[in-house]
Protein backbone atom coordinates (compact mmCIF):
# COMPACT_ATOMS: atom_id res chain seq x y z
CA UNK A 1 54.86 8.98 6.28
CA UNK A 2 57.95 8.35 8.34
CA UNK A 3 60.84 6.87 6.33
CA UNK A 4 63.79 4.95 7.75
CA UNK A 5 66.65 3.68 5.57
CA UNK A 6 68.44 0.71 7.10
CA UNK A 7 71.85 -0.72 6.27
CA UNK A 8 70.61 -3.58 4.08
CA UNK A 9 67.60 -5.83 3.49
CA UNK A 10 68.38 -7.95 6.56
CA UNK A 11 68.44 -4.87 8.77
CA UNK A 12 65.16 -3.66 7.27
CA UNK A 13 63.53 -7.02 7.98
CA UNK A 14 64.79 -6.95 11.57
CA UNK A 15 63.56 -3.39 12.09
CA UNK A 16 60.15 -4.36 10.69
CA UNK A 17 59.91 -7.31 13.08
CA UNK A 18 60.80 -5.11 16.04
CA UNK A 19 58.18 -2.57 15.01
CA UNK A 20 55.55 -5.30 14.89
CA UNK A 21 56.57 -6.43 18.38
CA UNK A 22 56.08 -2.90 19.68
CA UNK A 23 52.70 -2.50 17.98
CA UNK A 24 51.55 -5.91 19.22
CA UNK A 25 52.44 -5.14 22.82
CA UNK A 26 50.68 -1.77 22.68
CA UNK A 27 47.54 -3.23 21.11
CA UNK A 28 47.41 -6.16 23.52
CA UNK A 29 47.72 -3.76 26.44
CA UNK A 30 45.08 -1.36 25.13
CA UNK A 31 42.57 -3.70 23.50
CA UNK A 32 43.59 -7.28 24.45
CA UNK A 33 43.98 -8.10 20.74
CA UNK A 34 46.45 -7.43 17.92
CA UNK A 35 45.25 -8.00 14.36
CA UNK A 36 47.99 -8.02 11.74
CA UNK A 37 47.53 -8.30 7.98
CA UNK A 38 50.53 -9.74 6.11
CA UNK A 39 51.56 -9.45 2.46
CA UNK A 40 53.84 -11.78 0.51
CA UNK A 41 57.43 -11.36 -0.65
CA UNK A 42 60.94 -12.60 0.16
CA UNK A 43 61.98 -9.89 2.65
CA UNK A 44 58.64 -10.15 4.53
CA UNK A 45 59.16 -13.89 5.03
CA UNK A 46 62.51 -13.05 6.59
CA UNK A 47 60.75 -10.44 8.75
CA UNK A 48 58.29 -13.08 9.93
CA UNK A 49 61.02 -15.61 10.73
CA UNK A 50 62.63 -12.98 12.94
CA UNK A 51 59.26 -12.10 14.47
CA UNK A 52 58.65 -15.73 15.43
CA UNK A 53 61.71 -15.57 17.72
CA UNK A 54 60.60 -12.41 19.54
CA UNK A 55 58.72 -11.96 22.80
CA UNK A 56 55.27 -11.22 21.42
CA UNK A 57 51.96 -11.51 23.31
CA UNK A 58 51.02 -14.36 20.97
CA UNK A 59 47.81 -15.17 22.82
CA UNK A 60 46.45 -11.78 21.64
CA UNK A 61 47.61 -12.04 18.02
CA UNK A 62 45.39 -12.66 15.00
CA UNK A 63 47.00 -13.01 11.57
CA UNK A 64 45.03 -12.19 8.42
CA UNK A 65 46.14 -11.91 4.81
CA UNK A 66 46.51 -8.75 2.73
CA UNK A 67 46.19 -10.76 -0.48
CA UNK A 68 46.42 -14.27 -1.86
CA UNK A 69 46.84 -15.92 -5.24
CA UNK A 70 44.22 -18.36 -6.46
CA UNK A 71 46.30 -21.55 -6.41
CA UNK A 72 46.00 -25.02 -4.84
CA UNK A 73 46.69 -25.47 -1.11
CA UNK A 74 50.39 -25.81 -0.42
CA UNK A 75 51.39 -24.43 -3.82
CA UNK A 76 54.52 -22.22 -3.76
CA UNK A 77 52.50 -19.43 -5.40
CA UNK A 78 50.31 -19.23 -2.31
CA UNK A 79 51.34 -16.59 0.22
CA UNK A 80 49.89 -18.85 2.91
CA UNK A 81 52.45 -21.54 2.09
CA UNK A 82 55.32 -19.20 2.93
CA UNK A 83 53.46 -17.64 5.84
CA UNK A 84 53.20 -21.07 7.43
CA UNK A 85 56.87 -21.86 6.78
CA UNK A 86 58.19 -18.55 8.10
CA UNK A 87 55.87 -17.81 11.04
CA UNK A 88 53.06 -20.19 11.77
CA UNK A 89 55.13 -23.33 12.39
CA UNK A 90 57.47 -21.40 14.69
CA UNK A 91 55.14 -19.17 16.72
CA UNK A 92 52.64 -20.43 19.35
CA UNK A 93 49.54 -19.45 17.41
CA UNK A 94 46.37 -21.51 17.67
CA UNK A 95 44.49 -22.37 14.44
CA UNK A 96 41.67 -19.99 15.36
CA UNK A 97 44.18 -17.10 15.42
CA UNK A 98 45.06 -17.61 11.74
CA UNK A 99 42.59 -16.42 9.12
CA UNK A 100 43.54 -17.57 5.63
CA UNK A 101 41.87 -16.15 2.55
CA UNK A 102 39.56 -18.87 1.11
CA UNK A 103 40.88 -18.76 -2.46
CA UNK A 104 40.26 -22.45 -3.14
CA UNK A 105 36.48 -22.01 -3.04
CA UNK A 106 34.70 -22.14 -6.43
CA UNK A 107 32.67 -18.93 -5.97
CA UNK A 108 35.42 -16.35 -5.40
CA UNK A 109 33.22 -13.24 -4.97
CA UNK A 110 31.16 -15.08 -2.34
CA UNK A 111 34.39 -16.24 -0.67
CA UNK A 112 35.61 -12.63 -0.57
CA UNK A 113 32.36 -11.60 1.11
CA UNK A 114 32.79 -14.36 3.70
CA UNK A 115 36.34 -13.23 4.41
CA UNK A 116 35.09 -9.69 4.91
CA UNK A 117 32.61 -11.08 7.44
CA UNK A 118 35.46 -12.84 9.28
CA UNK A 119 37.27 -9.50 9.47
CA UNK A 120 34.17 -7.84 10.90
CA UNK A 121 33.90 -10.56 13.54
CA UNK A 122 37.45 -10.13 14.78
CA UNK A 123 38.10 -6.43 14.07
CA UNK A 124 34.75 -4.67 14.42
CA UNK A 125 32.30 -3.19 11.94
CA UNK A 126 33.78 -1.65 9.91
CA UNK A 127 36.91 -3.69 10.66
CA UNK A 128 39.92 -1.75 11.91
CA UNK A 129 43.18 -3.68 11.63
CA UNK A 130 46.00 -2.84 14.01
CA UNK A 131 48.75 -3.22 11.43
CA UNK A 132 48.79 -3.78 7.68
CA UNK A 133 52.10 -4.79 6.18
CA UNK A 134 52.56 -3.73 2.56
CA UNK A 135 55.21 -4.15 -0.09
CA UNK A 136 55.89 -2.18 -3.25
CA UNK A 137 55.86 -4.06 -6.54
CA UNK A 138 58.22 -3.30 -9.43
CA UNK A 139 55.28 -1.75 -11.32
CA UNK A 140 54.02 0.38 -8.44
CA UNK A 141 51.41 -2.08 -7.18
CA UNK A 142 50.78 -3.00 -3.56
CA UNK A 143 48.70 -5.82 -2.09
CA UNK A 144 46.97 -7.19 -5.21
CA UNK A 145 45.96 -3.70 -6.29
CA UNK A 146 47.46 -3.78 -9.77
CA UNK A 147 47.78 -1.01 -12.35
CA UNK A 148 44.68 -0.78 -14.50
CA UNK A 149 42.71 -3.42 -12.60
CA UNK A 150 39.04 -2.62 -11.82
CA UNK A 151 39.70 -3.65 -8.21
CA UNK A 152 41.37 -0.25 -7.76
CA UNK A 153 37.92 1.35 -7.88
CA UNK A 154 36.28 -0.93 -5.30
CA UNK A 155 35.35 1.26 -2.33
CA UNK A 156 32.17 -0.44 -1.10
CA UNK A 157 33.85 -3.71 -0.02
CA UNK A 158 36.84 -4.50 2.16
CA UNK A 159 37.79 -7.65 0.23
CA UNK A 160 37.59 -8.13 -3.53
CA UNK A 161 38.77 -10.31 -6.41
CA UNK A 162 41.28 -8.95 -8.90
CA UNK A 163 41.80 -9.83 -12.51
CA UNK A 164 44.57 -12.16 -13.63
CA UNK A 165 48.08 -10.83 -12.94
CA UNK A 166 51.21 -12.82 -13.72
CA UNK A 167 49.07 -15.85 -14.44
CA UNK A 168 47.04 -15.80 -11.23
CA UNK A 169 43.77 -14.25 -10.12
CA UNK A 170 43.91 -12.93 -6.56
CA UNK A 171 41.87 -12.03 -3.51
CA UNK A 172 42.90 -8.75 -1.91
CA UNK A 173 42.11 -6.23 0.75
CA UNK A 174 40.88 -2.98 -0.79
CA UNK A 175 41.80 0.63 -0.08
CA UNK A 176 39.05 1.30 2.51
CA UNK A 177 40.20 -1.34 5.01
CA UNK A 178 43.89 -0.62 4.41
CA UNK A 179 43.27 3.08 5.03
CA UNK A 180 41.42 2.38 8.29
CA UNK A 181 44.42 0.54 9.76
CA UNK A 182 45.97 1.98 12.89
CA UNK A 183 49.43 1.41 11.40
CA UNK A 184 50.64 0.74 7.86
CA UNK A 185 54.10 -0.79 7.62
CA UNK A 186 55.82 -0.55 4.25
CA UNK A 187 58.83 -2.85 3.84
CA UNK A 188 60.62 -2.05 0.58
CA UNK A 189 63.93 -3.57 -0.49
CA UNK A 190 65.83 -4.10 -3.72
CA UNK A 191 67.03 -1.99 -6.63
CA UNK A 192 63.94 -2.77 -8.73
CA UNK A 193 61.89 -0.60 -6.33
CA UNK A 194 64.12 2.47 -6.59
CA UNK A 195 62.19 4.26 -9.35
CA UNK A 196 58.87 3.69 -7.55
CA UNK A 197 59.76 4.75 -4.03
CA UNK A 198 59.85 8.51 -4.76
CA UNK A 199 56.42 8.20 -6.36
CA UNK A 200 55.09 6.38 -3.31
CA UNK A 201 56.46 9.07 -1.00
CA UNK A 202 54.91 11.78 -3.23
CA UNK A 203 51.50 10.04 -3.01
CA UNK A 204 51.44 9.74 -6.78
CA UNK A 205 47.93 8.43 -7.35
CA UNK A 206 48.78 7.22 -10.86
CA UNK A 207 50.36 4.16 -9.22
CA UNK A 208 48.32 1.91 -6.93
CA UNK A 209 50.73 2.20 -3.99
CA UNK A 210 50.54 6.00 -4.08
CA UNK A 211 46.83 5.92 -3.32
CA UNK A 212 47.25 4.44 0.17
CA UNK A 213 46.84 6.92 3.03
CA UNK A 214 50.13 7.86 4.64
CA UNK A 215 49.28 9.53 7.94
CA UNK A 216 49.68 6.26 9.87
CA UNK A 217 52.48 4.84 7.72
CA UNK A 218 56.09 3.92 8.41
CA UNK A 219 58.35 2.94 5.53
CA UNK A 220 61.45 0.82 6.10
CA UNK A 221 63.80 0.51 3.12
CA UNK A 222 67.28 -0.67 2.26
CA UNK A 223 69.79 1.58 0.42
CA UNK A 224 69.11 -0.06 -2.94
CA UNK A 225 65.40 0.71 -2.82
CA UNK A 226 66.02 4.20 -1.44
CA UNK A 227 68.74 5.16 -3.93
CA UNK A 228 66.48 7.62 -5.82
CA UNK A 229 65.06 9.37 -2.76
């Protein structure tokens, strides 16, 4: 995994946006399509606001979700709410280029299966995403792959339902589809991540983030998050 430490969280967000631009242009040139999976979090929303102002081959871009909380449409707990505010209302993306996780359906396992089918339709079988953006939680989680959750052991599905975490059940991509991605982009900022970043770099498989493959990964961090490296 390549690690870059930027001057602050703003610089890390800008560097992440520029990396996505580069990956999008390369994918559009090679395959006429760029499929990006986005996680939640404050610094990522800043990254996406910057991305919306860049020269991206938007006609080739498809946006999917890494994970989503089970909450009503438009609720501030929904990652999609912030994704719309930071990127989708600013970038020239058509509705068919945005693939939201269907967490408001009553049968969540069936909804996860349908989302996996959507991914197969746009990214092949098995689906190979061009870029998966990940964050690092203050307990070592990533996506909605939480410590101790049975979803950590799901290897026969690309999309699954987690248990309740911080009051919300979630839909999440699983390790197999994350590990197939052509590029994994870690964006990690803030002092609360400092104790976890060395364990991520060491591929410590006792934390969920440490179990993600690193051969295609780039990690962008600010000095606060990287203080223990």
